[in-house]
Amino acid sequence: MQLIANAGEVGIDAAIRGLGLARALAYQVDADVLAGRLKIVLDEFEPVPIPVHIVYVAGRKAPAKVRAFVDFAAERLRGVPVLNPRTRSY
């Protein structure tokens, strides 16, 4: 049986249910891999995470809303293991 879907979640859900393999971005399946619901089967071909950059006008020209968002986003992104190879546990 071959499954063709236009949404990554469908393939991921099928893999979790044991229906086969799925190709997904690491951040989409990070929680499932950490929880043991999914396993990376081609680990040697896993690419290095691409850094996430937040670009804005720094200093006093940046509105408080922008600075608040940057602080919030940076903290959240640092906490995502798959985006930070130093904290990645699998």
PDB file of N, CA and C in Angstrom:
ATOM      1  N   MET A   1       0.848  -1.182   0.000  1.00  0.00           N
ATOM      2  CA  MET A   1       0.000   0.000   0.000  1.00  0.00           C
ATOM      3  C   MET A   1       0.885   1.234   0.000  1.00  0.00           C
ATOM      4  N   GLN A   2       0.556   2.222  -0.795  1.00  0.00           N
ATOM      5  CA  GLN A   2       1.285   3.469  -0.850  1.00  0.00           C
ATOM      6  C   GLN A   2       0.363   4.592  -0.402  1.00  0.00           C
ATOM      7  N   LEU A   3       0.880   5.440   0.482  1.00  0.00           N
ATOM      8  CA  LEU A   3       0.107   6.577   0.979  1.00  0.00           C
ATOM      9  C   LEU A   3       0.700   7.855   0.403  1.00  0.00           C
ATOM     10  N   ILE A   4      -0.128   8.636  -0.247  1.00  0.00           N
ATOM     11  CA  ILE A   4       0.291   9.934  -0.767  1.00  0.00           C
ATOM     12  C   ILE A   4      -0.583  10.972  -0.084  1.00  0.00           C
ATOM     13  N   ALA A   5       0.081  11.959   0.535  1.00  0.00           N
ATOM     14  CA  ALA A   5      -0.664  12.996   1.257  1.00  0.00           C
ATOM     15  C   ALA A   5      -0.061  14.359   0.962  1.00  0.00           C
ATOM     16  N   ASN A   6      -0.866  15.389   1.093  1.00  0.00           N
ATOM     17  CA  ASN A   6      -0.361  16.734   0.875  1.00  0.00           C
ATOM     18  C   ASN A   6      -0.150  17.473   2.199  1.00  0.00           C
ATOM     19  N   ALA A   7      -0.135  16.754   3.297  1.00  0.00           N
ATOM     20  CA  ALA A   7       0.134  17.343   4.611  1.00  0.00           C
ATOM     21  C   ALA A   7       1.089  16.418   5.363  1.00  0.00           C
ATOM     22  N   GLY A   8       2.173  16.983   5.857  1.00  0.00           N
ATOM     23  CA  GLY A   8       3.165  16.191   6.571  1.00  0.00           C
ATOM     24  C   GLY A   8       2.612  15.447   7.757  1.00  0.00           C
ATOM     25  N   GLU A   9       1.629  16.031   8.415  1.00  0.00           N
ATOM     26  CA  GLU A   9       1.042  15.401   9.602  1.00  0.00           C
ATOM     27  C   GLU A   9       0.421  14.044   9.295  1.00  0.00           C
ATOM     28  N   VAL A  10      -0.086  13.888   8.081  1.00  0.00           N
ATOM     29  CA  VAL A  10      -0.714  12.623   7.698  1.00  0.00           C
ATOM     30  C   VAL A  10       0.336  11.514   7.650  1.00  0.00           C
ATOM     31  N   GLY A  11       1.464  11.783   7.015  1.00  0.00           N
ATOM     32  CA  GLY A  11       2.544  10.802   6.946  1.00  0.00           C
ATOM     33  C   GLY A  11       3.131  10.501   8.310  1.00  0.00           C
ATOM     34  N   ILE A  12       3.284  11.535   9.134  1.00  0.00           N
ATOM     35  CA  ILE A  12       3.811  11.354  10.486  1.00  0.00           C
ATOM     36  C   ILE A  12       2.864  10.488  11.303  1.00  0.00           C
ATOM     37  N   ASP A  13       1.573  10.765  11.213  1.00  0.00           N
ATOM     38  CA  ASP A  13       0.582   9.971  11.951  1.00  0.00           C
ATOM     39  C   ASP A  13       0.594   8.522  11.485  1.00  0.00           C
ATOM     40  N   ALA A  14       0.737   8.307  10.184  1.00  0.00           N
ATOM     41  CA  ALA A  14       0.790   6.936   9.660  1.00  0.00           C
ATOM     42  C   ALA A  14       2.022   6.209  10.201  1.00  0.00           C
ATOM     43  N   ALA A  15       3.151   6.893  10.262  1.00  0.00           N
ATOM     44  CA  ALA A  15       4.369   6.273  10.799  1.00  0.00           C
ATOM     45  C   ALA A  15       4.201   5.942  12.280  1.00  0.00           C
ATOM     46  N   ILE A  16       3.586   6.833  13.031  1.00  0.00           N
ATOM     47  CA  ILE A  16       3.343   6.575  14.459  1.00  0.00           C
ATOM     48  C   ILE A  16       2.460   5.338  14.621  1.00  0.00           C
ATOM     49  N   ARG A  17       1.509   5.146  13.720  1.00  0.00           N
ATOM     50  CA  ARG A  17       0.603   3.987  13.789  1.00  0.00           C
ATOM     51  C   ARG A  17       1.243   2.702  13.257  1.00  0.00           C
ATOM     52  N   GLY A  18       2.513   2.815  12.836  1.00  0.00           N
ATOM     53  CA  GLY A  18       3.225   1.630  12.378  1.00  0.00           C
ATOM     54  C   GLY A  18       2.969   1.246  10.936  1.00  0.00           C
ATOM     55  N   LEU A  19       2.505   2.180  10.127  1.00  0.00           N
ATOM     56  CA  LEU A  19       2.170   1.873   8.740  1.00  0.00           C
ATOM     57  C   LEU A  19       3.330   2.053   7.775  1.00  0.00           C
ATOM     58  N   GLY A  20       4.492   2.433   8.280  1.00  0.00           N
ATOM     59  CA  GLY A  20       5.643   2.587   7.387  1.00  0.00           C
ATOM     60  C   GLY A  20       6.546   3.722   7.809  1.00  0.00           C
ATOM     61  N   LEU A  21       7.347   4.174   6.869  1.00  0.00           N
ATOM     62  CA  LEU A  21       8.303   5.250   7.099  1.00  0.00           C
ATOM     63  C   LEU A  21       7.723   6.578   6.636  1.00  0.00           C
ATOM     64  N   ALA A  22       8.230   7.653   7.219  1.00  0.00           N
ATOM     65  CA  ALA A  22       7.812   8.992   6.803  1.00  0.00           C
ATOM     66  C   ALA A  22       9.037   9.883   6.763  1.00  0.00           C
ATOM     67  N   ARG A  23       9.023  10.817   5.857  1.00  0.00           N
ATOM     68  CA  ARG A  23      10.082  11.826   5.792  1.00  0.00           C
ATOM     69  C   ARG A  23       9.487  13.107   6.350  1.00  0.00           C
ATOM     70  N   ALA A  24      10.172  13.662   7.348  1.00  0.00           N
ATOM     71  CA  ALA A  24       9.642  14.861   7.999  1.00  0.00           C
ATOM     72  C   ALA A  24      10.788  15.746   8.449  1.00  0.00           C
ATOM     73  N   LEU A  25      10.470  16.985   8.695  1.00  0.00           N
ATOM     74  CA  LEU A  25      11.454  17.904   9.269  1.00  0.00           C
ATOM     75  C   LEU A  25      11.611  17.589  10.751  1.00  0.00           C
ATOM     76  N   ALA A  26      12.812  17.741  11.252  1.00  0.00           N
ATOM     77  CA  ALA A  26      13.118  17.349  12.626  1.00  0.00           C
ATOM     78  C   ALA A  26      12.206  18.021  13.645  1.00  0.00           C
ATOM     79  N   TYR A  27      11.911  19.297  13.462  1.00  0.00           N
ATOM     80  CA  TYR A  27      11.075  19.981  14.454  1.00  0.00           C
ATOM     81  C   TYR A  27       9.641  19.461  14.455  1.00  0.00           C
ATOM     82  N   GLN A  28       9.214  18.827  13.360  1.00  0.00           N
ATOM     83  CA  GLN A  28       7.863  18.286  13.292  1.00  0.00           C
ATOM     84  C   GLN A  28       7.716  17.009  14.111  1.00  0.00           C
ATOM     85  N   VAL A  29       8.798  16.268  14.287  1.00  0.00           N
ATOM     86  CA  VAL A  29       8.717  14.969  14.953  1.00  0.00           C
ATOM     87  C   VAL A  29       9.561  14.901  16.223  1.00  0.00           C
ATOM     88  N   ASP A  30      10.160  16.004  16.621  1.00  0.00           N
ATOM     89  CA  ASP A  30      11.055  16.020  17.779  1.00  0.00           C
ATOM     90  C   ASP A  30      10.392  15.414  19.014  1.00  0.00           C
ATOM     91  N   ALA A  31       9.198  15.845  19.333  1.00  0.00           N
ATOM     92  CA  ALA A  31       8.510  15.339  20.536  1.00  0.00           C
ATOM     93  C   ALA A  31       8.213  13.846  20.407  1.00  0.00           C
ATOM     94  N   ASP A  32       7.832  13.403  19.211  1.00  0.00           N
ATOM     95  CA  ASP A  32       7.524  11.982  19.006  1.00  0.00           C
ATOM     96  C   ASP A  32       8.783  11.122  19.103  1.00  0.00           C
ATOM     97  N   VAL A  33       9.912  11.626  18.618  1.00  0.00           N
ATOM     98  CA  VAL A  33      11.171  10.881  18.732  1.00  0.00           C
ATOM     99  C   VAL A  33      11.596  10.808  20.193  1.00  0.00           C
ATOM    100  N   LEU A  34      11.526  11.938  20.884  1.00  0.00           N
ATOM    101  CA  LEU A  34      11.913  11.960  22.302  1.00  0.00           C
ATOM    102  C   LEU A  34      11.020  11.051  23.144  1.00  0.00           C
ATOM    103  N   ALA A  35       9.727  10.955  22.774  1.00  0.00           N
ATOM    104  CA  ALA A  35       8.786  10.127  23.522  1.00  0.00           C
ATOM    105  C   ALA A  35       8.859   8.647  23.118  1.00  0.00           C
ATOM    106  N   GLY A  36       9.633   8.341  22.082  1.00  0.00           N
ATOM    107  CA  GLY A  36       9.753   6.949  21.652  1.00  0.00           C
ATOM    108  C   GLY A  36       8.682   6.483  20.693  1.00  0.00           C
ATOM    109  N   ARG A  37       7.808   7.381  20.253  1.00  0.00           N
ATOM    110  CA  ARG A  37       6.768   6.994  19.301  1.00  0.00           C
ATOM    111  C   ARG A  37       7.332   6.823  17.896  1.00  0.00           C
ATOM    112  N   LEU A  38       8.420   7.533  17.596  1.00  0.00           N
ATOM    113  CA  LEU A  38       9.089   7.425  16.305  1.00  0.00           C
ATOM    114  C   LEU A  38      10.576   7.203  16.531  1.00  0.00           C
ATOM    115  N   LYS A  39      11.216   6.623  15.530  1.00  0.00           N
ATOM    116  CA  LYS A  39      12.648   6.376  15.595  1.00  0.00           C
ATOM    117  C   LYS A  39      13.280   6.877  14.305  1.00  0.00           C
ATOM    118  N   ILE A  40      14.426   7.528  14.407  1.00  0.00           N
ATOM    119  CA  ILE A  40      15.159   7.953  13.219  1.00  0.00           C
ATOM    120  C   ILE A  40      15.894   6.732  12.692  1.00  0.00           C
ATOM    121  N   VAL A  41      15.609   6.348  11.440  1.00  0.00           N
ATOM    122  CA  VAL A  41      16.192   5.123  10.900  1.00  0.00           C
ATOM    123  C   VAL A  41      17.412   5.380  10.014  1.00  0.00           C
ATOM    124  N   LEU A  42      17.602   6.571   9.539  1.00  0.00           N
ATOM    125  CA  LEU A  42      18.768   6.910   8.718  1.00  0.00           C
ATOM    126  C   LEU A  42      19.547   8.041   9.386  1.00  0.00           C
ATOM    127  N   ASP A  43      19.913   7.819  10.640  1.00  0.00           N
ATOM    128  CA  ASP A  43      20.570   8.849  11.444  1.00  0.00           C
ATOM    129  C   ASP A  43      21.839   9.384  10.795  1.00  0.00           C
ATOM    130  N   GLU A  44      22.582   8.516  10.107  1.00  0.00           N
ATOM    131  CA  GLU A  44      23.831   8.963   9.494  1.00  0.00           C
ATOM    132  C   GLU A  44      23.611   9.965   8.362  1.00  0.00           C
ATOM    133  N   PHE A  45      22.390  10.061   7.858  1.00  0.00           N
ATOM    134  CA  PHE A  45      22.067  11.020   6.808  1.00  0.00           C
ATOM    135  C   PHE A  45      21.311  12.237   7.341  1.00  0.00           C
ATOM    136  N   GLU A  46      21.137  12.309   8.651  1.00  0.00           N
ATOM    137  CA  GLU A  46      20.427  13.425   9.276  1.00  0.00           C
ATOM    138  C   GLU A  46      21.255  14.704   9.107  1.00  0.00           C
ATOM    139  N   PRO A  47      20.703  15.734   8.486  1.00  0.00           N
ATOM    140  CA  PRO A  47      21.487  16.967   8.289  1.00  0.00           C
ATOM    141  C   PRO A  47      21.677  17.729   9.599  1.00  0.00           C
ATOM    142  N   VAL A  48      22.707  18.538   9.621  1.00  0.00           N
ATOM    143  CA  VAL A  48      22.960  19.406  10.768  1.00  0.00           C
ATOM    144  C   VAL A  48      21.849  20.450  10.816  1.00  0.00           C
ATOM    145  N   PRO A  49      21.331  20.775  12.019  1.00  0.00           N
ATOM    146  CA  PRO A  49      20.269  21.779  12.094  1.00  0.00           C
ATOM    147  C   PRO A  49      20.704  23.123  11.497  1.00  0.00           C
ATOM    148  N   ILE A  50      19.792  23.754  10.811  1.00  0.00           N
ATOM    149  CA  ILE A  50      20.048  25.075  10.236  1.00  0.00           C
ATOM    150  C   ILE A  50      19.723  26.116  11.302  1.00  0.00           C
ATOM    151  N   PRO A  51      20.635  27.046  11.541  1.00  0.00           N
ATOM    152  CA  PRO A  51      20.375  28.048  12.588  1.00  0.00           C
ATOM    153  C   PRO A  51      19.174  28.930  12.238  1.00  0.00           C
ATOM    154  N   VAL A  52      18.500  29.373  13.263  1.00  0.00           N
ATOM    155  CA  VAL A  52      17.388  30.312  13.105  1.00  0.00           C
ATOM    156  C   VAL A  52      17.905  31.686  13.501  1.00  0.00           C
ATOM    157  N   HIS A  53      17.680  32.668  12.654  1.00  0.00           N
ATOM    158  CA  HIS A  53      18.129  34.026  12.931  1.00  0.00           C
ATOM    159  C   HIS A  53      16.923  34.942  13.064  1.00  0.00           C
ATOM    160  N   ILE A  54      16.958  35.817  14.037  1.00  0.00           N
ATOM    161  CA  ILE A  54      15.940  36.850  14.188  1.00  0.00           C
ATOM    162  C   ILE A  54      16.623  38.165  13.860  1.00  0.00           C
ATOM    163  N   VAL A  55      16.160  38.817  12.813  1.00  0.00           N
ATOM    164  CA  VAL A  55      16.798  40.035  12.337  1.00  0.00           C
ATOM    165  C   VAL A  55      15.864  41.212  12.596  1.00  0.00           C
ATOM    166  N   TYR A  56      16.395  42.244  13.212  1.00  0.00           N
ATOM    167  CA  TYR A  56      15.607  43.439  13.521  1.00  0.00           C
ATOM    168  C   TYR A  56      16.552  44.602  13.723  1.00  0.00           C
ATOM    169  N   VAL A  57      16.017  45.819  13.755  1.00  0.00           N
ATOM    170  CA  VAL A  57      16.817  47.005  14.028  1.00  0.00           C
ATOM    171  C   VAL A  57      17.053  47.053  15.533  1.00  0.00           C
ATOM    172  N   ALA A  58      18.293  46.927  15.922  1.00  0.00           N
ATOM    173  CA  ALA A  58      18.622  46.879  17.349  1.00  0.00           C
ATOM    174  C   ALA A  58      18.709  48.289  17.950  1.00  0.00           C
ATOM    175  N   GLY A  59      18.822  48.295  19.235  1.00  0.00           N
ATOM    176  CA  GLY A  59      19.020  49.560  19.945  1.00  0.00           C
ATOM    177  C   GLY A  59      17.729  50.280  20.230  1.00  0.00           C
ATOM    178  N   ARG A  60      17.852  51.589  20.377  1.00  0.00           N
ATOM    179  CA  ARG A  60      16.696  52.395  20.766  1.00  0.00           C
ATOM    180  C   ARG A  60      15.700  52.565  19.633  1.00  0.00           C
ATOM    181  N   LYS A  61      16.082  52.207  18.417  1.00  0.00           N
ATOM    182  CA  LYS A  61      15.155  52.325  17.284  1.00  0.00           C
ATOM    183  C   LYS A  61      14.133  51.182  17.262  1.00  0.00           C
ATOM    184  N   ALA A  62      14.432  50.106  17.939  1.00  0.00           N
ATOM    185  CA  ALA A  62      13.509  48.968  17.949  1.00  0.00           C
ATOM    186  C   ALA A  62      12.361  49.251  18.915  1.00  0.00           C
ATOM    187  N   PRO A  63      11.115  49.157  18.446  1.00  0.00           N
ATOM    188  CA  PRO A  63       9.973  49.360  19.340  1.00  0.00           C
ATOM    189  C   PRO A  63       9.964  48.300  20.458  1.00  0.00           C
ATOM    190  N   ALA A  64       9.372  48.645  21.562  1.00  0.00           N
ATOM    191  CA  ALA A  64       9.302  47.732  22.709  1.00  0.00           C
ATOM    192  C   ALA A  64       8.625  46.417  22.327  1.00  0.00           C
ATOM    193  N   LYS A  65       7.612  46.480  21.447  1.00  0.00           N
ATOM    194  CA  LYS A  65       6.929  45.256  21.006  1.00  0.00           C
ATOM    195  C   LYS A  65       7.888  44.321  20.281  1.00  0.00           C
ATOM    196  N   VAL A  66       8.756  44.898  19.461  1.00  0.00           N
ATOM    197  CA  VAL A  66       9.723  44.083  18.721  1.00  0.00           C
ATOM    198  C   VAL A  66      10.716  43.460  19.687  1.00  0.00           C
ATOM    199  N   ARG A  67      11.242  44.259  20.612  1.00  0.00           N
ATOM    200  CA  ARG A  67      12.210  43.748  21.587  1.00  0.00           C
ATOM    201  C   ARG A  67      11.583  42.633  22.438  1.00  0.00           C
ATOM    202  N   ALA A  68      10.328  42.803  22.841  1.00  0.00           N
ATOM    203  CA  ALA A  68       9.634  41.792  23.638  1.00  0.00           C
ATOM    204  C   ALA A  68       9.481  40.495  22.835  1.00  0.00           C
ATOM    205  N   PHE A  69       9.126  40.637  21.552  1.00  0.00           N
ATOM    206  CA  PHE A  69       8.991  39.443  20.719  1.00  0.00           C
ATOM    207  C   PHE A  69      10.327  38.738  20.537  1.00  0.00           C
ATOM    208  N   VAL A  70      11.383  39.500  20.278  1.00  0.00           N
ATOM    209  CA  VAL A  70      12.710  38.909  20.087  1.00  0.00           C
ATOM    210  C   VAL A  70      13.134  38.147  21.339  1.00  0.00           C
ATOM    211  N   ASP A  71      12.947  38.739  22.506  1.00  0.00           N
ATOM    212  CA  ASP A  71      13.298  38.063  23.756  1.00  0.00           C
ATOM    213  C   ASP A  71      12.485  36.775  23.929  1.00  0.00           C
ATOM    214  N   PHE A  72      11.193  36.855  23.657  1.00  0.00           N
ATOM    215  CA  PHE A  72      10.305  35.691  23.776  1.00  0.00           C
ATOM    216  C   PHE A  72      10.724  34.592  22.800  1.00  0.00           C
ATOM    217  N   ALA A  73      10.905  34.968  21.526  1.00  0.00           N
ATOM    218  CA  ALA A  73      11.223  33.979  20.498  1.00  0.00           C
ATOM    219  C   ALA A  73      12.590  33.340  20.744  1.00  0.00           C
ATOM    220  N   ALA A  74      13.568  34.134  21.126  1.00  0.00           N
ATOM    221  CA  ALA A  74      14.909  33.595  21.368  1.00  0.00           C
ATOM    222  C   ALA A  74      14.887  32.572  22.497  1.00  0.00           C
ATOM    223  N   GLU A  75      14.173  32.882  23.565  1.00  0.00           N
ATOM    224  CA  GLU A  75      14.077  31.940  24.692  1.00  0.00           C
ATOM    225  C   GLU A  75      13.396  30.643  24.266  1.00  0.00           C
ATOM    226  N   ARG A  76      12.300  30.756  23.520  1.00  0.00           N
ATOM    227  CA  ARG A  76      11.572  29.562  23.072  1.00  0.00           C
ATOM    228  C   ARG A  76      12.425  28.725  22.115  1.00  0.00           C
ATOM    229  N   LEU A  77      13.092  29.377  21.176  1.00  0.00           N
ATOM    230  CA  LEU A  77      13.892  28.644  20.196  1.00  0.00           C
ATOM    231  C   LEU A  77      15.082  27.953  20.847  1.00  0.00           C
ATOM    232  N   ARG A  78      15.688  28.562  21.850  1.00  0.00           N
ATOM    233  CA  ARG A  78      16.803  27.923  22.557  1.00  0.00           C
ATOM    234  C   ARG A  78      16.352  26.657  23.265  1.00  0.00           C
ATOM    235  N   GLY A  79      15.083  26.579  23.622  1.00  0.00           N
ATOM    236  CA  GLY A  79      14.557  25.423  24.340  1.00  0.00           C
ATOM    237  C   GLY A  79      14.129  24.269  23.451  1.00  0.00           C
ATOM    238  N   VAL A  80      14.235  24.415  22.135  1.00  0.00           N
ATOM    239  CA  VAL A  80      13.847  23.359  21.205  1.00  0.00           C
ATOM    240  C   VAL A  80      15.090  22.523  20.902  1.00  0.00           C
ATOM    241  N   PRO A  81      15.169  21.307  21.460  1.00  0.00           N
ATOM    242  CA  PRO A  81      16.391  20.508  21.325  1.00  0.00           C
ATOM    243  C   PRO A  81      16.851  20.281  19.889  1.00  0.00           C
ATOM    244  N   VAL A  82      15.934  20.073  18.994  1.00  0.00           N
ATOM    245  CA  VAL A  82      16.310  19.749  17.613  1.00  0.00           C
ATOM    246  C   VAL A  82      16.971  20.936  16.905  1.00  0.00           C
ATOM    247  N   LEU A  83      16.731  22.136  17.403  1.00  0.00           N
ATOM    248  CA  LEU A  83      17.353  23.324  16.816  1.00  0.00           C
ATOM    249  C   LEU A  83      18.709  23.630  17.430  1.00  0.00           C
ATOM    250  N   ASN A  84      19.044  22.950  18.509  1.00  0.00           N
ATOM    251  CA  ASN A  84      20.299  23.207  19.207  1.00  0.00           C
ATOM    252  C   ASN A  84      21.048  21.886  19.372  1.00  0.00           C
ATOM    253  N   PRO A  85      22.033  21.626  18.516  1.00  0.00           N
ATOM    254  CA  PRO A  85      22.715  20.331  18.563  1.00  0.00           C
ATOM    255  C   PRO A  85      23.397  20.053  19.903  1.00  0.00           C
ATOM    256  N   ARG A  86      23.706  21.075  20.690  1.00  0.00           N
ATOM    257  CA  ARG A  86      24.334  20.858  21.993  1.00  0.00           C
ATOM    258  C   ARG A  86      23.368  20.268  23.006  1.00  0.00           C
ATOM    259  N   THR A  87      22.065  20.502  22.837  1.00  0.00           N
ATOM    260  CA  THR A  87      21.075  19.967  23.786  1.00  0.00           C
ATOM    261  C   THR A  87      20.295  18.798  23.210  1.00  0.00           C
ATOM    262  N   ARG A  88      20.570  18.443  21.968  1.00  0.00           N
ATOM    263  CA  ARG A  88      19.845  17.342  21.327  1.00  0.00           C
ATOM    264  C   ARG A  88      20.192  16.030  22.006  1.00  0.00           C
ATOM    265  N   SER A  89      19.189  15.280  22.390  1.00  0.00           N
ATOM    266  CA  SER A  89      19.419  14.081  23.198  1.00  0.00           C
ATOM    267  C   SER A  89      19.245  12.782  22.417  1.00  0.00           C
ATOM    268  N   TYR A  90      19.069  12.835  21.118  1.00  0.00           N
ATOM    269  CA  TYR A  90      18.951  11.589  20.352  1.00  0.00           C
ATOM    270  C   TYR A  90      19.845  11.631  19.146  1.00  0.00           C
TER     271      TYR A  90
END
